[in-house]
Structures are given as structure tokens and as C-alpha cells.
Protein backbone atom coordinates (compact mmCIF):
# COMPACT_ATOMS: atom_id res chain seq x y z
CA MET A 1 83.92 122.52 100.86
CA ASN A 2 84.80 123.40 97.29
CA ILE A 3 87.91 122.35 95.37
CA GLY A 4 89.60 125.71 96.00
CA GLN A 5 89.18 125.29 99.74
CA VAL A 6 90.56 121.77 99.52
CA LEU A 7 93.58 123.06 97.59
CA ARG A 8 94.19 125.72 100.23
CA LYS A 9 93.87 123.19 103.06
CA ILE A 10 96.38 120.81 101.49
CA ARG A 11 98.76 123.63 100.53
CA LYS A 12 98.75 124.95 104.09
CA GLU A 13 99.18 121.45 105.56
CA ARG A 14 102.30 121.15 103.43
CA LYS A 15 103.43 124.62 104.51
CA ALA A 16 103.75 125.68 100.88
CA SER A 17 103.19 129.25 99.75
CA LEU A 18 100.85 130.33 96.99
CA GLU A 19 103.89 131.41 95.00
CA GLU A 20 105.61 128.01 95.30
CA ILE A 21 102.59 126.01 94.17
CA ALA A 22 101.65 128.51 91.45
CA LEU A 23 105.16 128.43 90.02
CA ILE A 24 105.22 124.63 89.87
CA ALA A 25 101.68 124.57 88.42
CA GLY A 26 102.53 127.10 85.71
CA THR A 27 100.17 129.84 86.87
CA ASP A 28 100.54 132.91 89.02
CA ALA A 29 99.85 133.29 92.70
CA ALA A 30 96.98 135.75 92.12
CA ASN A 31 95.13 133.17 89.99
CA LEU A 32 95.66 130.45 92.56
CA SER A 33 94.52 132.76 95.35
CA ARG A 34 91.30 133.54 93.46
CA VAL A 35 90.71 129.82 92.94
CA GLU A 36 91.24 129.10 96.63
CA ARG A 37 88.76 131.86 97.54
CA ASP A 38 86.23 130.60 94.96
CA LYS A 39 86.52 133.83 92.95
CA GLN A 40 87.81 132.06 89.83
CA ARG A 41 86.94 128.71 88.31
CA LEU A 42 89.61 126.14 87.61
CA THR A 43 90.18 124.90 84.11
CA PRO A 44 90.76 121.14 83.90
CA ASP A 45 94.39 121.77 82.93
CA MET A 46 94.97 124.12 85.84
CA LEU A 47 93.36 121.66 88.25
CA GLU A 48 95.61 118.89 87.00
CA ASN A 49 98.70 121.11 87.25
CA VAL A 50 97.91 122.31 90.77
CA ALA A 51 97.13 118.75 91.89
CA LYS A 52 100.49 117.62 90.51
CA ALA A 53 102.22 120.54 92.24
CA LEU A 54 100.65 119.38 95.51
CA ASP A 55 101.40 115.72 94.64
CA VAL A 56 97.75 114.76 95.10
CA PRO A 57 95.52 112.88 92.65
CA VAL A 58 92.66 114.99 91.31
CA SER A 59 90.26 112.27 92.40
CA SER A 60 91.38 112.72 96.01
CA LEU A 61 90.62 116.44 95.82
CA TYR A 62 87.06 115.69 94.76
CA LEU A 63 86.70 113.00 97.41
CA ILE A 64 87.75 115.39 100.18
CA ALA A 65 85.46 118.11 98.83
CA GLU A 66 82.53 115.68 98.62
CA GLN A 67 83.09 114.35 102.13
CA ASN A 68 82.97 117.87 103.50
CA LEU A 69 79.82 118.74 101.55
CA HIS A 70 77.99 115.67 102.78
CA PRO A 71 79.30 114.72 106.21
CA ALA A 72 78.32 111.33 107.55
CA LYS A 73 74.68 110.76 106.80
CA SER A 74 74.36 108.71 109.94
CA THR A 75 73.07 110.66 112.90
CA ASN A 76 74.56 108.35 115.49
CA ASP A 77 77.77 109.23 117.29
CA ALA A 78 79.60 106.09 116.13
CA GLY A 79 78.93 106.94 112.48
CA LYS A 80 80.07 110.53 112.93
CA ALA A 81 83.22 109.41 114.73
CA ALA A 82 84.02 106.88 111.99
CA ALA A 83 83.51 109.55 109.31
CA ALA A 84 85.83 111.93 111.16
CA ARG A 85 88.51 109.24 111.47
CA LEU A 86 88.17 108.42 107.77
CA GLU A 87 88.54 112.07 106.78
CA ASP A 88 91.59 112.42 109.04
CA ALA A 89 93.15 109.25 107.60
CA LEU A 90 92.54 110.41 104.03
CA SER A 91 94.06 113.82 104.72
CA ARG A 92 97.16 112.15 106.11
CA PHE A 93 97.29 109.48 103.39
CA ILE A 94 97.47 111.99 100.54
CA LEU A 95 100.44 113.68 102.21
CA LEU A 96 102.46 110.45 101.98
CA SER A 97 104.81 109.64 99.13
CA THR A 98 103.54 107.17 96.54
CA GLN A 99 105.76 104.47 98.01
CA ASP A 100 104.46 105.10 101.52
CA GLN A 101 100.88 105.09 100.23
CA GLU A 102 101.51 101.66 98.72
CA LEU A 103 102.96 100.43 102.02
CA THR A 104 99.93 101.78 103.85
CA VAL A 105 97.55 99.94 101.54
CA ASP A 106 99.57 96.72 101.98
CA PHE A 107 99.39 97.15 105.76
CA MET A 108 95.64 97.68 105.64
CA GLU A 109 95.25 94.48 103.61
CA LEU A 110 97.22 92.60 106.28
CA LEU A 111 94.98 94.05 109.00
CA LEU A 112 91.88 92.97 107.11
CA LYS A 113 93.23 89.44 106.62
CA ALA A 114 94.00 89.20 110.33
CA ALA A 115 90.54 90.48 111.23
CA ARG A 116 88.88 87.79 109.08
CA LYS A 117 90.64 84.98 110.96
């Protein structure tokens, strides 16, 4: 999956139109559409602006794209299932507000502490 496809996936998950995101990002809908269809390359500034418009860190966009390019290397079912759960969790995590993301991380730390006992 390329960055444009990731942008489209997140935009659609948020039920935002091309026009809404393009306006916030300071570009036009036609440009954003070409990016999503891999017909136009993103400049670093445009990537940053679109990521901000979607309220997603640029690093998360690359992580999602990379995970989809190289699905779980493990051929066993448990590894594939874990990779699918991780991808699902990441997709949901980036949709949370910053405050809710922080709460989620705190909760995960509590789970890990409990698991070590």
C-alpha cells in the first residue's frame, strides 16, 4: 500500500470528503485525488499538511503503508493473526484524539505490568 492509499483509507474511515481534507491541507481536491490514486507525488510539505488535516502523524502513515507492503513475515497462522490484530489496533489508535491515545498507552503499560506479575 502506498502513502496515497493510506491517506484515502484514513480519510474514508473518518467519513471526510476530498474537498474537506484538501481545504484544510491548503491544496485542491483534484491534487489530493491524484495523490490518493498514485498519479501525483506528494511533496514533504503537502504530506505534512494532509497528515495534519487528518490528525495523523506522518510516521504513522509510513508505518501503515509499510505493514501493508510487507505483511507478517511469519507463515504460521498465529503470526498472521497477531499481525492482523496489530494493524487493526493501529488503524483505530490513530483515529483517537491525542488525549485518548495517551490514555491508551497508559492502559497498555498497566496491562504489561500486570502480565509480568
